Amino acid sequence: MSLRFDAFPLCVFTSMQKLLLATTNSGKLREIRDILGGVPFELMTLAAWPGLRPPEETGRTFEDNARQKALYYAASTGTLTVAEDSGLEIDALDGVPGVESARFGGEATTYAEKFALIYDALREKGAPTSTARFVCAVAVVDGDHVIFESRGTVEGRLAPQPKGDGGFGYDPIFFYPPFGRTLAEAADRKTEVSHRGKAFRELRAFLENSGGR
């Protein structure tokens, strides 16, 4: 996990400044709002800019895409913006789906279809399961400056089959050994250990140290 304070190492925000949470994923928004609840910022969503189209994600890393999105939305809205990029890396598949996690198998595919593609690919590799990790990269942009970055990961392995109806995305196929269950079965404990929880708790600390002064 890393932090970067590029242009403003002593950045101080005004009390209750707006902070745009630049994602339309309802599951991510719910987790992020829970983690950032109570910070001295007014949390905004993209619902306030209904005509704004998302940028093309061309980065080769999660960090690249998080920066791209944060810079784009900050420029488009004139608002302090946080964006994240996250996904699943499967070691037996050389890191696939990685930065293509949301688009794996095509943007219109359901997660059940994505799971089936992953299990088919593992069978072709002769690997019934694999170690894997979730990765989340976070970037905050003020104007045209990246002022904060963090990265969170959680290590686990692919479950033999999807289990659990909590969480979202790839949670049903990600088995977390310390819990003895998938993240989709972990209920509220997920945020304690998740990649997004780790990255956004670093952001929370930064906002609390920088805001409301």
N, C-alpha and C. Protein backbone atom coordinates (compact mmCIF):
# COMPACT_ATOMS: atom_id res chain seq x y z
N MET A 1 0.85 -1.19 0.00
CA MET A 1 0.00 0.00 0.00
C MET A 1 0.89 1.24 0.00
N SER A 2 0.55 2.21 -0.84
CA SER A 2 1.40 3.38 -0.94
C SER A 2 0.57 4.64 -0.92
N LEU A 3 1.20 5.71 -0.47
CA LEU A 3 0.54 7.01 -0.43
C LEU A 3 1.36 7.98 -1.23
N ARG A 4 0.69 8.92 -1.89
CA ARG A 4 1.39 9.94 -2.62
C ARG A 4 0.73 11.28 -2.39
N PHE A 5 1.50 12.28 -2.07
CA PHE A 5 0.98 13.64 -1.87
C PHE A 5 1.78 14.53 -2.81
N ASP A 6 1.44 14.46 -4.12
CA ASP A 6 2.29 15.02 -5.16
C ASP A 6 2.51 16.52 -5.04
N ALA A 7 1.44 17.26 -5.23
CA ALA A 7 1.61 18.70 -5.38
C ALA A 7 1.41 19.45 -4.08
N PHE A 8 0.67 18.85 -3.16
CA PHE A 8 0.29 19.57 -1.96
C PHE A 8 0.55 18.73 -0.72
N PRO A 9 1.81 18.60 -0.32
CA PRO A 9 2.10 17.76 0.85
C PRO A 9 1.44 18.26 2.12
N LEU A 10 1.10 19.56 2.16
CA LEU A 10 0.44 20.11 3.33
C LEU A 10 -0.97 20.59 2.96
N CYS A 11 -1.61 19.85 2.05
CA CYS A 11 -2.92 20.25 1.53
C CYS A 11 -3.94 20.39 2.65
N VAL A 12 -4.63 21.52 2.68
CA VAL A 12 -5.67 21.77 3.67
C VAL A 12 -6.93 22.16 2.92
N PHE A 13 -8.03 21.47 3.19
CA PHE A 13 -9.28 21.75 2.52
C PHE A 13 -10.18 22.58 3.44
N THR A 14 -11.10 23.29 2.81
CA THR A 14 -12.07 24.05 3.59
C THR A 14 -13.11 23.10 4.16
N SER A 15 -13.71 23.52 5.27
CA SER A 15 -14.69 22.68 5.94
C SER A 15 -15.87 22.37 5.02
N MET A 16 -16.27 21.11 4.99
CA MET A 16 -17.41 20.62 4.21
C MET A 16 -17.26 20.87 2.72
N GLN A 17 -16.03 20.84 2.22
CA GLN A 17 -15.83 20.88 0.79
C GLN A 17 -16.47 19.64 0.17
N LYS A 18 -16.90 19.77 -1.06
CA LYS A 18 -17.50 18.65 -1.76
C LYS A 18 -16.42 17.67 -2.20
N LEU A 19 -16.73 16.38 -2.12
CA LEU A 19 -15.86 15.32 -2.61
C LEU A 19 -16.70 14.40 -3.47
N LEU A 20 -16.35 14.30 -4.75
CA LEU A 20 -17.08 13.45 -5.69
C LEU A 20 -16.56 12.02 -5.62
N LEU A 21 -17.47 11.08 -5.36
CA LEU A 21 -17.15 9.66 -5.41
C LEU A 21 -17.44 9.19 -6.82
N ALA A 22 -16.40 9.07 -7.64
CA ALA A 22 -16.58 8.92 -9.08
C ALA A 22 -16.74 7.45 -9.49
N THR A 23 -17.86 6.87 -9.09
CA THR A 23 -18.22 5.53 -9.56
C THR A 23 -19.74 5.45 -9.64
N THR A 24 -20.23 4.66 -10.59
CA THR A 24 -21.67 4.42 -10.69
C THR A 24 -22.02 3.03 -10.18
N ASN A 25 -21.03 2.29 -9.68
CA ASN A 25 -21.27 0.94 -9.16
C ASN A 25 -21.93 1.06 -7.78
N SER A 26 -23.16 0.60 -7.67
CA SER A 26 -23.90 0.79 -6.41
C SER A 26 -23.25 0.05 -5.25
N GLY A 27 -22.69 -1.13 -5.50
CA GLY A 27 -22.02 -1.86 -4.44
C GLY A 27 -20.79 -1.13 -3.93
N LYS A 28 -20.00 -0.60 -4.85
CA LYS A 28 -18.82 0.17 -4.44
C LYS A 28 -19.23 1.43 -3.69
N LEU A 29 -20.24 2.13 -4.19
CA LEU A 29 -20.69 3.35 -3.51
C LEU A 29 -21.12 3.05 -2.08
N ARG A 30 -21.83 1.96 -1.90
CA ARG A 30 -22.29 1.61 -0.56
C ARG A 30 -21.10 1.37 0.37
N GLU A 31 -20.10 0.62 -0.09
CA GLU A 31 -18.93 0.35 0.74
C GLU A 31 -18.15 1.63 1.02
N ILE A 32 -17.96 2.46 -0.01
CA ILE A 32 -17.17 3.68 0.16
C ILE A 32 -17.86 4.64 1.13
N ARG A 33 -19.17 4.80 0.98
CA ARG A 33 -19.91 5.67 1.90
C ARG A 33 -19.80 5.18 3.34
N ASP A 34 -19.86 3.87 3.54
CA ASP A 34 -19.74 3.33 4.89
C ASP A 34 -18.37 3.64 5.48
N ILE A 35 -17.33 3.50 4.66
CA ILE A 35 -15.96 3.72 5.15
C ILE A 35 -15.71 5.20 5.42
N LEU A 36 -16.22 6.07 4.55
CA LEU A 36 -15.94 7.51 4.67
C LEU A 36 -16.99 8.25 5.50
N GLY A 37 -17.96 7.54 6.02
CA GLY A 37 -18.99 8.20 6.80
C GLY A 37 -18.41 9.04 7.93
N GLY A 38 -18.85 10.30 8.01
CA GLY A 38 -18.40 11.19 9.08
C GLY A 38 -17.20 12.04 8.75
N VAL A 39 -16.57 11.86 7.57
CA VAL A 39 -15.45 12.73 7.21
C VAL A 39 -15.99 14.14 6.96
N PRO A 40 -15.17 15.17 7.16
CA PRO A 40 -15.66 16.55 7.04
C PRO A 40 -15.76 17.02 5.60
N PHE A 41 -16.43 16.23 4.76
CA PHE A 41 -16.65 16.55 3.37
C PHE A 41 -18.07 16.18 3.00
N GLU A 42 -18.64 16.93 2.06
CA GLU A 42 -19.94 16.57 1.52
C GLU A 42 -19.71 15.58 0.39
N LEU A 43 -20.17 14.35 0.58
CA LEU A 43 -19.92 13.29 -0.40
C LEU A 43 -20.94 13.40 -1.53
N MET A 44 -20.44 13.59 -2.74
CA MET A 44 -21.27 13.71 -3.93
C MET A 44 -21.14 12.45 -4.77
N THR A 45 -22.13 12.20 -5.63
CA THR A 45 -22.05 11.10 -6.58
C THR A 45 -22.26 11.63 -7.99
N LEU A 46 -22.02 10.77 -8.96
CA LEU A 46 -22.18 11.16 -10.35
C LEU A 46 -23.64 11.39 -10.74
N ALA A 47 -24.56 11.03 -9.85
CA ALA A 47 -25.97 11.32 -10.11
C ALA A 47 -26.20 12.82 -10.25
N ALA A 48 -25.32 13.64 -9.69
CA ALA A 48 -25.46 15.09 -9.81
C ALA A 48 -25.08 15.59 -11.20
N TRP A 49 -24.44 14.73 -12.01
CA TRP A 49 -24.05 15.08 -13.38
C TRP A 49 -24.57 13.97 -14.32
N PRO A 50 -25.89 13.88 -14.50
CA PRO A 50 -26.47 12.74 -15.22
C PRO A 50 -26.05 12.63 -16.68
N GLY A 51 -25.65 13.71 -17.31
CA GLY A 51 -25.27 13.64 -18.73
C GLY A 51 -23.80 13.36 -18.96
N LEU A 52 -23.04 13.21 -17.89
CA LEU A 52 -21.59 13.04 -18.02
C LEU A 52 -21.26 11.60 -18.40
N ARG A 53 -20.60 11.43 -19.54
CA ARG A 53 -20.24 10.10 -20.00
C ARG A 53 -18.95 9.63 -19.32
N PRO A 54 -18.80 8.34 -19.06
CA PRO A 54 -17.57 7.85 -18.43
C PRO A 54 -16.40 7.89 -19.40
N PRO A 55 -15.19 8.03 -18.87
CA PRO A 55 -14.02 8.03 -19.76
C PRO A 55 -13.67 6.61 -20.19
N GLU A 56 -12.94 6.51 -21.26
CA GLU A 56 -12.41 5.22 -21.68
C GLU A 56 -11.25 4.86 -20.75
N GLU A 57 -11.24 3.62 -20.29
CA GLU A 57 -10.18 3.16 -19.38
C GLU A 57 -9.13 2.43 -20.20
N THR A 58 -7.99 3.09 -20.39
CA THR A 58 -6.94 2.55 -21.25
C THR A 58 -5.67 2.18 -20.48
N GLY A 59 -5.69 2.34 -19.17
CA GLY A 59 -4.49 2.08 -18.38
C GLY A 59 -4.13 0.60 -18.34
N ARG A 60 -2.85 0.34 -18.11
CA ARG A 60 -2.38 -1.04 -18.02
C ARG A 60 -2.30 -1.51 -16.58
N THR A 61 -2.51 -0.59 -15.64
CA THR A 61 -2.51 -0.95 -14.23
C THR A 61 -3.74 -0.35 -13.57
N PHE A 62 -4.08 -0.85 -12.38
CA PHE A 62 -5.18 -0.27 -11.62
C PHE A 62 -4.91 1.19 -11.30
N GLU A 63 -3.66 1.49 -10.97
CA GLU A 63 -3.30 2.88 -10.65
C GLU A 63 -3.52 3.79 -11.85
N ASP A 64 -3.11 3.33 -13.04
CA ASP A 64 -3.31 4.14 -14.25
C ASP A 64 -4.78 4.50 -14.43
N ASN A 65 -5.64 3.51 -14.30
CA ASN A 65 -7.07 3.74 -14.53
C ASN A 65 -7.69 4.62 -13.45
N ALA A 66 -7.27 4.43 -12.19
CA ALA A 66 -7.80 5.27 -11.12
C ALA A 66 -7.44 6.73 -11.37
N ARG A 67 -6.19 6.99 -11.77
CA ARG A 67 -5.78 8.36 -12.07
C ARG A 67 -6.56 8.93 -13.25
N GLN A 68 -6.67 8.13 -14.32
CA GLN A 68 -7.40 8.59 -15.51
C GLN A 68 -8.81 9.04 -15.13
N LYS A 69 -9.51 8.21 -14.38
CA LYS A 69 -10.89 8.53 -14.02
C LYS A 69 -10.97 9.74 -13.11
N ALA A 70 -10.08 9.82 -12.12
CA ALA A 70 -10.11 10.95 -11.19
C ALA A 70 -9.80 12.26 -11.92
N LEU A 71 -8.80 12.26 -12.80
CA LEU A 71 -8.46 13.46 -13.55
C LEU A 71 -9.59 13.88 -14.48
N TYR A 72 -10.21 12.92 -15.13
CA TYR A 72 -11.31 13.22 -16.05
C TYR A 72 -12.51 13.82 -15.31
N TYR A 73 -12.94 13.18 -14.24
CA TYR A 73 -14.12 13.66 -13.54
C TYR A 73 -13.86 14.98 -12.81
N ALA A 74 -12.65 15.16 -12.30
CA ALA A 74 -12.34 16.43 -11.65
C ALA A 74 -12.37 17.57 -12.67
N ALA A 75 -11.83 17.33 -13.86
CA ALA A 75 -11.84 18.36 -14.90
C ALA A 75 -13.25 18.63 -15.40
N SER A 76 -14.06 17.59 -15.49
CA SER A 76 -15.42 17.72 -16.03
C SER A 76 -16.38 18.39 -15.06
N THR A 77 -16.14 18.23 -13.76
CA THR A 77 -17.08 18.73 -12.76
C THR A 77 -16.55 19.91 -11.95
N GLY A 78 -15.25 20.14 -11.97
CA GLY A 78 -14.66 21.18 -11.14
C GLY A 78 -14.71 20.86 -9.66
N THR A 79 -14.81 19.57 -9.34
CA THR A 79 -14.99 19.12 -7.96
C THR A 79 -13.83 18.23 -7.54
N LEU A 80 -13.40 18.37 -6.29
CA LEU A 80 -12.44 17.44 -5.72
C LEU A 80 -12.99 16.03 -5.92
N THR A 81 -12.18 15.14 -6.50
CA THR A 81 -12.69 13.85 -6.96
C THR A 81 -11.83 12.69 -6.48
N VAL A 82 -12.50 11.63 -6.03
CA VAL A 82 -11.81 10.38 -5.77
C VAL A 82 -12.37 9.32 -6.72
N ALA A 83 -11.46 8.59 -7.34
CA ALA A 83 -11.84 7.47 -8.20
C ALA A 83 -11.03 6.25 -7.80
N GLU A 84 -11.57 5.10 -8.11
CA GLU A 84 -10.86 3.87 -7.82
C GLU A 84 -10.94 2.94 -9.01
N ASP A 85 -9.97 2.04 -9.10
CA ASP A 85 -10.05 0.95 -10.06
C ASP A 85 -9.67 -0.31 -9.30
N SER A 86 -10.44 -1.34 -9.52
CA SER A 86 -10.24 -2.55 -8.73
C SER A 86 -10.58 -3.77 -9.56
N GLY A 87 -10.08 -4.90 -9.11
CA GLY A 87 -10.37 -6.13 -9.82
C GLY A 87 -9.69 -7.33 -9.20
N LEU A 88 -9.86 -8.45 -9.88
CA LEU A 88 -9.39 -9.75 -9.41
C LEU A 88 -8.21 -10.22 -10.26
N GLU A 89 -7.13 -10.60 -9.62
CA GLU A 89 -5.97 -11.20 -10.30
C GLU A 89 -5.88 -12.67 -9.93
N ILE A 90 -5.89 -13.54 -10.93
CA ILE A 90 -5.83 -14.98 -10.70
C ILE A 90 -4.47 -15.48 -11.18
N ASP A 91 -3.68 -16.03 -10.27
CA ASP A 91 -2.31 -16.38 -10.60
C ASP A 91 -2.21 -17.44 -11.69
N ALA A 92 -3.06 -18.47 -11.65
CA ALA A 92 -2.99 -19.53 -12.65
C ALA A 92 -3.36 -19.04 -14.05
N LEU A 93 -4.02 -17.89 -14.12
CA LEU A 93 -4.40 -17.30 -15.41
C LEU A 93 -3.54 -16.08 -15.72
N ASP A 94 -2.34 -16.03 -15.13
CA ASP A 94 -1.38 -14.95 -15.38
C ASP A 94 -1.96 -13.57 -15.07
N GLY A 95 -2.75 -13.51 -14.01
CA GLY A 95 -3.28 -12.23 -13.57
C GLY A 95 -4.62 -11.84 -14.14
N VAL A 96 -5.14 -12.64 -15.09
CA VAL A 96 -6.47 -12.38 -15.66
C VAL A 96 -7.53 -12.62 -14.58
N PRO A 97 -8.61 -11.81 -14.56
CA PRO A 97 -8.98 -10.73 -15.48
C PRO A 97 -8.32 -9.38 -15.21
N GLY A 98 -7.74 -9.16 -14.04
CA GLY A 98 -6.99 -7.95 -13.78
C GLY A 98 -7.76 -6.67 -14.05
N VAL A 99 -7.13 -5.74 -14.78
CA VAL A 99 -7.78 -4.45 -15.03
C VAL A 99 -9.00 -4.59 -15.93
N GLU A 100 -9.18 -5.75 -16.54
CA GLU A 100 -10.36 -5.99 -17.37
C GLU A 100 -11.47 -6.66 -16.58
N SER A 101 -11.38 -6.70 -15.27
CA SER A 101 -12.35 -7.45 -14.46
C SER A 101 -13.80 -7.08 -14.77
N ALA A 102 -14.10 -5.79 -14.85
CA ALA A 102 -15.49 -5.38 -15.10
C ALA A 102 -15.92 -5.71 -16.52
N ARG A 103 -14.95 -5.78 -17.44
CA ARG A 103 -15.27 -6.00 -18.85
C ARG A 103 -14.96 -7.42 -19.30
N PHE A 104 -14.55 -8.28 -18.42
CA PHE A 104 -14.13 -9.64 -18.76
C PHE A 104 -15.27 -10.40 -19.45
N GLY A 105 -14.98 -10.94 -20.62
CA GLY A 105 -15.99 -11.67 -21.37
C GLY A 105 -16.97 -10.78 -22.09
N GLY A 106 -16.74 -9.46 -22.04
CA GLY A 106 -17.66 -8.51 -22.67
C GLY A 106 -18.43 -7.74 -21.61
N GLU A 107 -18.66 -6.46 -21.87
CA GLU A 107 -19.29 -5.60 -20.87
C GLU A 107 -20.72 -6.03 -20.54
N ALA A 108 -21.35 -6.75 -21.45
CA ALA A 108 -22.75 -7.14 -21.23
C ALA A 108 -22.89 -8.46 -20.48
N THR A 109 -21.77 -9.16 -20.22
CA THR A 109 -21.87 -10.45 -19.55
C THR A 109 -22.23 -10.27 -18.08
N THR A 110 -23.00 -11.20 -17.55
CA THR A 110 -23.32 -11.21 -16.13
C THR A 110 -22.12 -11.77 -15.36
N TYR A 111 -22.14 -11.57 -14.04
CA TYR A 111 -21.05 -12.15 -13.26
C TYR A 111 -21.12 -13.67 -13.24
N ALA A 112 -22.31 -14.24 -13.31
CA ALA A 112 -22.41 -15.69 -13.41
C ALA A 112 -21.70 -16.19 -14.68
N GLU A 113 -21.85 -15.45 -15.77
CA GLU A 113 -21.17 -15.81 -17.02
C GLU A 113 -19.66 -15.62 -16.90
N LYS A 114 -19.24 -14.56 -16.22
CA LYS A 114 -17.81 -14.34 -16.01
C LYS A 114 -17.22 -15.49 -15.18
N PHE A 115 -17.95 -15.91 -14.13
CA PHE A 115 -17.47 -17.01 -13.30
C PHE A 115 -17.28 -18.26 -14.16
N ALA A 116 -18.25 -18.55 -15.02
CA ALA A 116 -18.17 -19.74 -15.87
C ALA A 116 -16.95 -19.67 -16.79
N LEU A 117 -16.68 -18.50 -17.35
CA LEU A 117 -15.51 -18.34 -18.20
C LEU A 117 -14.22 -18.59 -17.42
N ILE A 118 -14.17 -18.10 -16.19
CA ILE A 118 -12.97 -18.29 -15.36
C ILE A 118 -12.78 -19.77 -15.04
N TYR A 119 -13.83 -20.47 -14.64
CA TYR A 119 -13.69 -21.89 -14.32
C TYR A 119 -13.33 -22.69 -15.56
N ASP A 120 -13.86 -22.32 -16.72
CA ASP A 120 -13.48 -23.00 -17.97
C ASP A 120 -12.00 -22.79 -18.25
N ALA A 121 -11.51 -21.56 -18.06
CA ALA A 121 -10.10 -21.27 -18.31
C ALA A 121 -9.20 -22.03 -17.35
N LEU A 122 -9.61 -22.16 -16.09
CA LEU A 122 -8.82 -22.92 -15.13
C LEU A 122 -8.77 -24.40 -15.51
N ARG A 123 -9.90 -24.95 -15.96
CA ARG A 123 -9.90 -26.35 -16.39
C ARG A 123 -8.98 -26.56 -17.57
N GLU A 124 -8.97 -25.62 -18.50
CA GLU A 124 -8.08 -25.72 -19.66
C GLU A 124 -6.61 -25.70 -19.24
N LYS A 125 -6.33 -24.99 -18.17
CA LYS A 125 -4.96 -24.91 -17.64
C LYS A 125 -4.63 -26.13 -16.77
N GLY A 126 -5.62 -26.97 -16.50
CA GLY A 126 -5.40 -28.09 -15.59
C GLY A 126 -5.25 -27.66 -14.16
N ALA A 127 -5.86 -26.51 -13.82
CA ALA A 127 -5.75 -25.97 -12.46
C ALA A 127 -7.15 -25.91 -11.85
N PRO A 128 -7.49 -26.84 -10.95
CA PRO A 128 -8.83 -26.82 -10.36
C PRO A 128 -9.10 -25.57 -9.52
N THR A 129 -8.04 -24.98 -8.99
CA THR A 129 -8.18 -23.73 -8.25
C THR A 129 -6.90 -22.93 -8.43
N SER A 130 -6.80 -21.78 -7.78
CA SER A 130 -5.62 -20.94 -7.92
C SER A 130 -5.59 -19.93 -6.79
N THR A 131 -4.40 -19.53 -6.41
CA THR A 131 -4.28 -18.37 -5.54
C THR A 131 -4.72 -17.14 -6.34
N ALA A 132 -5.20 -16.15 -5.63
CA ALA A 132 -5.73 -14.95 -6.28
C ALA A 132 -5.74 -13.81 -5.29
N ARG A 133 -5.96 -12.64 -5.82
CA ARG A 133 -6.05 -11.47 -4.94
C ARG A 133 -6.99 -10.44 -5.56
N PHE A 134 -7.62 -9.69 -4.69
CA PHE A 134 -8.33 -8.50 -5.09
C PHE A 134 -7.38 -7.31 -4.91
N VAL A 135 -7.44 -6.37 -5.85
CA VAL A 135 -6.62 -5.16 -5.79
C VAL A 135 -7.53 -3.95 -5.96
N CYS A 136 -7.26 -2.91 -5.18
CA CYS A 136 -7.99 -1.64 -5.34
C CYS A 136 -6.97 -0.50 -5.30
N ALA A 137 -6.99 0.32 -6.34
CA ALA A 137 -6.16 1.53 -6.39
C ALA A 137 -7.07 2.74 -6.32
N VAL A 138 -6.70 3.70 -5.48
CA VAL A 138 -7.49 4.91 -5.26
C VAL A 138 -6.65 6.13 -5.63
N ALA A 139 -7.28 7.10 -6.29
CA ALA A 139 -6.61 8.36 -6.61
C ALA A 139 -7.55 9.51 -6.31
N VAL A 140 -7.00 10.58 -5.74
CA VAL A 140 -7.76 11.80 -5.48
C VAL A 140 -7.13 12.92 -6.30
N VAL A 141 -7.96 13.67 -6.99
CA VAL A 141 -7.49 14.78 -7.82
C VAL A 141 -8.15 16.07 -7.39
N ASP A 142 -7.33 17.10 -7.22
CA ASP A 142 -7.79 18.46 -6.95
C ASP A 142 -7.34 19.31 -8.13
N GLY A 143 -8.28 19.81 -8.91
CA GLY A 143 -7.92 20.54 -10.14
C GLY A 143 -7.34 19.58 -11.15
N ASP A 144 -6.04 19.76 -11.45
CA ASP A 144 -5.38 18.82 -12.37
C ASP A 144 -4.20 18.14 -11.69
N HIS A 145 -4.25 18.08 -10.36
CA HIS A 145 -3.17 17.47 -9.58
C HIS A 145 -3.65 16.21 -8.85
N VAL A 146 -2.91 15.14 -8.98
CA VAL A 146 -3.13 13.96 -8.15
C VAL A 146 -2.51 14.26 -6.79
N ILE A 147 -3.33 14.35 -5.75
CA ILE A 147 -2.83 14.75 -4.43
C ILE A 147 -2.76 13.58 -3.45
N PHE A 148 -3.36 12.46 -3.81
CA PHE A 148 -3.33 11.32 -2.90
C PHE A 148 -3.55 10.05 -3.69
N GLU A 149 -2.83 8.98 -3.30
CA GLU A 149 -3.07 7.66 -3.86
C GLU A 149 -2.90 6.61 -2.78
N SER A 150 -3.66 5.55 -2.88
CA SER A 150 -3.47 4.40 -1.99
C SER A 150 -3.78 3.13 -2.75
N ARG A 151 -3.33 2.02 -2.20
CA ARG A 151 -3.54 0.72 -2.83
C ARG A 151 -3.83 -0.30 -1.73
N GLY A 152 -4.84 -1.09 -1.93
CA GLY A 152 -5.17 -2.15 -0.99
C GLY A 152 -5.28 -3.47 -1.70
N THR A 153 -4.84 -4.54 -1.06
CA THR A 153 -4.97 -5.88 -1.62
C THR A 153 -5.46 -6.82 -0.54
N VAL A 154 -6.09 -7.92 -0.98
CA VAL A 154 -6.43 -9.01 -0.07
C VAL A 154 -6.13 -10.30 -0.81
N GLU A 155 -5.39 -11.19 -0.13
CA GLU A 155 -4.96 -12.45 -0.72
C GLU A 155 -5.93 -13.57 -0.38
N GLY A 156 -6.17 -14.44 -1.34
CA GLY A 156 -7.03 -15.60 -1.12
C GLY A 156 -6.84 -16.60 -2.22
N ARG A 157 -7.91 -17.31 -2.54
CA ARG A 157 -7.86 -18.26 -3.65
C ARG A 157 -9.26 -18.42 -4.24
N LEU A 158 -9.32 -19.02 -5.41
CA LEU A 158 -10.60 -19.24 -6.06
C LEU A 158 -11.35 -20.35 -5.34
N ALA A 159 -12.60 -20.11 -5.04
CA ALA A 159 -13.45 -21.14 -4.45
C ALA A 159 -13.76 -22.20 -5.51
N PRO A 160 -14.01 -23.46 -5.09
CA PRO A 160 -14.33 -24.51 -6.07
C PRO A 160 -15.58 -24.19 -6.88
N GLN A 161 -16.51 -23.46 -6.29
CA GLN A 161 -17.71 -22.99 -6.97
C GLN A 161 -18.20 -21.74 -6.25
N PRO A 162 -19.01 -20.92 -6.92
CA PRO A 162 -19.51 -19.71 -6.27
C PRO A 162 -20.33 -20.05 -5.04
N LYS A 163 -20.12 -19.26 -3.97
CA LYS A 163 -20.90 -19.45 -2.74
C LYS A 163 -21.18 -18.10 -2.11
N GLY A 164 -22.40 -17.95 -1.61
CA GLY A 164 -22.78 -16.74 -0.90
C GLY A 164 -23.54 -15.77 -1.79
N ASP A 165 -24.45 -15.04 -1.18
CA ASP A 165 -25.23 -14.07 -1.94
C ASP A 165 -25.04 -12.65 -1.43
N GLY A 166 -24.02 -12.42 -0.61
CA GLY A 166 -23.69 -11.08 -0.16
C GLY A 166 -22.64 -10.47 -1.07
N GLY A 167 -22.25 -9.25 -0.76
CA GLY A 167 -21.23 -8.60 -1.56
C GLY A 167 -21.70 -8.35 -2.98
N PHE A 168 -20.75 -8.30 -3.90
CA PHE A 168 -21.08 -8.07 -5.31
C PHE A 168 -19.86 -8.46 -6.14
N GLY A 169 -20.00 -8.38 -7.46
CA GLY A 169 -18.88 -8.68 -8.34
C GLY A 169 -18.38 -10.10 -8.18
N TYR A 170 -17.07 -10.24 -8.00
CA TYR A 170 -16.43 -11.55 -7.92
C TYR A 170 -16.41 -12.13 -6.50
N ASP A 171 -17.06 -11.48 -5.55
CA ASP A 171 -17.02 -11.95 -4.16
C ASP A 171 -17.42 -13.42 -3.99
N PRO A 172 -18.41 -13.94 -4.74
CA PRO A 172 -18.81 -15.33 -4.51
C PRO A 172 -17.75 -16.38 -4.88
N ILE A 173 -16.76 -16.01 -5.70
CA ILE A 173 -15.75 -17.01 -6.08
C ILE A 173 -14.40 -16.75 -5.40
N PHE A 174 -14.35 -15.75 -4.52
CA PHE A 174 -13.09 -15.44 -3.83
C PHE A 174 -13.14 -15.99 -2.41
N PHE A 175 -12.38 -17.04 -2.17
CA PHE A 175 -12.33 -17.69 -0.86
C PHE A 175 -11.23 -17.05 -0.03
N TYR A 176 -11.60 -16.59 1.18
CA TYR A 176 -10.66 -15.94 2.07
C TYR A 176 -10.33 -16.89 3.22
N PRO A 177 -9.16 -17.54 3.20
CA PRO A 177 -8.85 -18.60 4.17
C PRO A 177 -9.02 -18.22 5.64
N PRO A 178 -8.60 -17.02 6.10
CA PRO A 178 -8.78 -16.72 7.53
C PRO A 178 -10.24 -16.76 7.98
N PHE A 179 -11.17 -16.49 7.09
CA PHE A 179 -12.59 -16.56 7.43
C PHE A 179 -13.18 -17.94 7.15
N GLY A 180 -12.48 -18.74 6.31
CA GLY A 180 -13.00 -20.05 5.94
C GLY A 180 -14.24 -19.96 5.08
N ARG A 181 -14.37 -18.90 4.31
CA ARG A 181 -15.55 -18.70 3.48
C ARG A 181 -15.23 -17.67 2.39
N THR A 182 -16.14 -17.53 1.44
CA THR A 182 -15.95 -16.51 0.41
C THR A 182 -16.31 -15.14 0.98
N LEU A 183 -15.86 -14.11 0.29
CA LEU A 183 -16.22 -12.76 0.74
C LEU A 183 -17.71 -12.50 0.59
N ALA A 184 -18.37 -13.24 -0.30
CA ALA A 184 -19.82 -13.10 -0.43
C ALA A 184 -20.55 -13.71 0.76
N GLU A 185 -19.85 -14.53 1.55
CA GLU A 185 -20.42 -15.12 2.75
C GLU A 185 -20.00 -14.40 4.02
N ALA A 186 -19.14 -13.38 3.87
CA ALA A 186 -18.51 -12.76 5.02
C ALA A 186 -19.34 -11.66 5.67
N ALA A 187 -20.43 -11.25 5.03
CA ALA A 187 -21.31 -10.20 5.55
C ALA A 187 -20.51 -8.95 5.89
N ASP A 188 -20.76 -8.34 7.05
CA ASP A 188 -20.12 -7.08 7.41
C ASP A 188 -18.63 -7.22 7.65
N ARG A 189 -18.15 -8.45 7.84
CA ARG A 189 -16.71 -8.64 8.08
C ARG A 189 -15.89 -8.37 6.83
N LYS A 190 -16.52 -8.37 5.67
CA LYS A 190 -15.78 -8.18 4.42
C LYS A 190 -14.94 -6.91 4.44
N THR A 191 -15.56 -5.79 4.85
CA THR A 191 -14.86 -4.50 4.78
C THR A 191 -13.63 -4.47 5.68
N GLU A 192 -13.61 -5.28 6.74
CA GLU A 192 -12.46 -5.33 7.64
C GLU A 192 -11.19 -5.73 6.90
N VAL A 193 -11.33 -6.59 5.89
CA VAL A 193 -10.15 -7.18 5.25
C VAL A 193 -10.06 -6.88 3.77
N SER A 194 -11.10 -6.30 3.19
CA SER A 194 -11.14 -6.18 1.74
C SER A 194 -10.14 -5.18 1.21
N HIS A 195 -9.81 -5.35 -0.06
CA HIS A 195 -8.92 -4.44 -0.77
C HIS A 195 -9.46 -3.02 -0.75
N ARG A 196 -10.75 -2.87 -0.98
CA ARG A 196 -11.35 -1.53 -1.00
C ARG A 196 -11.37 -0.93 0.41
N GLY A 197 -11.64 -1.75 1.39
CA GLY A 197 -11.63 -1.28 2.76
C GLY A 197 -10.27 -0.73 3.16
N LYS A 198 -9.21 -1.46 2.79
CA LYS A 198 -7.86 -1.02 3.14
C LYS A 198 -7.51 0.29 2.44
N ALA A 199 -7.77 0.37 1.14
CA ALA A 199 -7.40 1.57 0.39
C ALA A 199 -8.19 2.79 0.85
N PHE A 200 -9.48 2.63 1.12
CA PHE A 200 -10.29 3.78 1.50
C PHE A 200 -10.13 4.16 2.97
N ARG A 201 -9.67 3.26 3.81
CA ARG A 201 -9.34 3.68 5.17
C ARG A 201 -8.10 4.57 5.17
N GLU A 202 -7.17 4.31 4.25
CA GLU A 202 -6.03 5.23 4.10
C GLU A 202 -6.52 6.60 3.64
N LEU A 203 -7.49 6.61 2.71
CA LEU A 203 -8.05 7.88 2.26
C LEU A 203 -8.77 8.58 3.40
N ARG A 204 -9.51 7.84 4.19
CA ARG A 204 -10.22 8.45 5.31
C ARG A 204 -9.23 9.17 6.24
N ALA A 205 -8.12 8.53 6.55
CA ALA A 205 -7.12 9.15 7.42
C ALA A 205 -6.59 10.44 6.80
N PHE A 206 -6.34 10.42 5.48
CA PHE A 206 -5.86 11.60 4.80
C PHE A 206 -6.88 12.73 4.86
N LEU A 207 -8.15 12.40 4.61
CA LEU A 207 -9.20 13.44 4.63
C LEU A 207 -9.38 14.02 6.03
N GLU A 208 -9.32 13.17 7.04
CA GLU A 208 -9.49 13.66 8.41
C GLU A 208 -8.33 14.54 8.82
N ASN A 209 -7.14 14.26 8.32
CA ASN A 209 -5.98 15.07 8.66
C ASN A 209 -5.95 16.38 7.88
N SER A 210 -6.63 16.40 6.71
CA SER A 210 -6.54 17.56 5.81
C SER A 210 -7.76 18.45 5.84
N GLY A 211 -8.90 17.90 6.27
CA GLY A 211 -10.14 18.64 6.15
C GLY A 211 -10.60 19.32 7.42
N GLY A 212 -11.50 20.23 7.24
CA GLY A 212 -12.18 20.87 8.37
C GLY A 212 -11.31 21.81 9.17
N ARG A 213 -10.23 22.31 8.60
CA ARG A 213 -9.36 23.22 9.36
C ARG A 213 -9.60 24.66 8.98
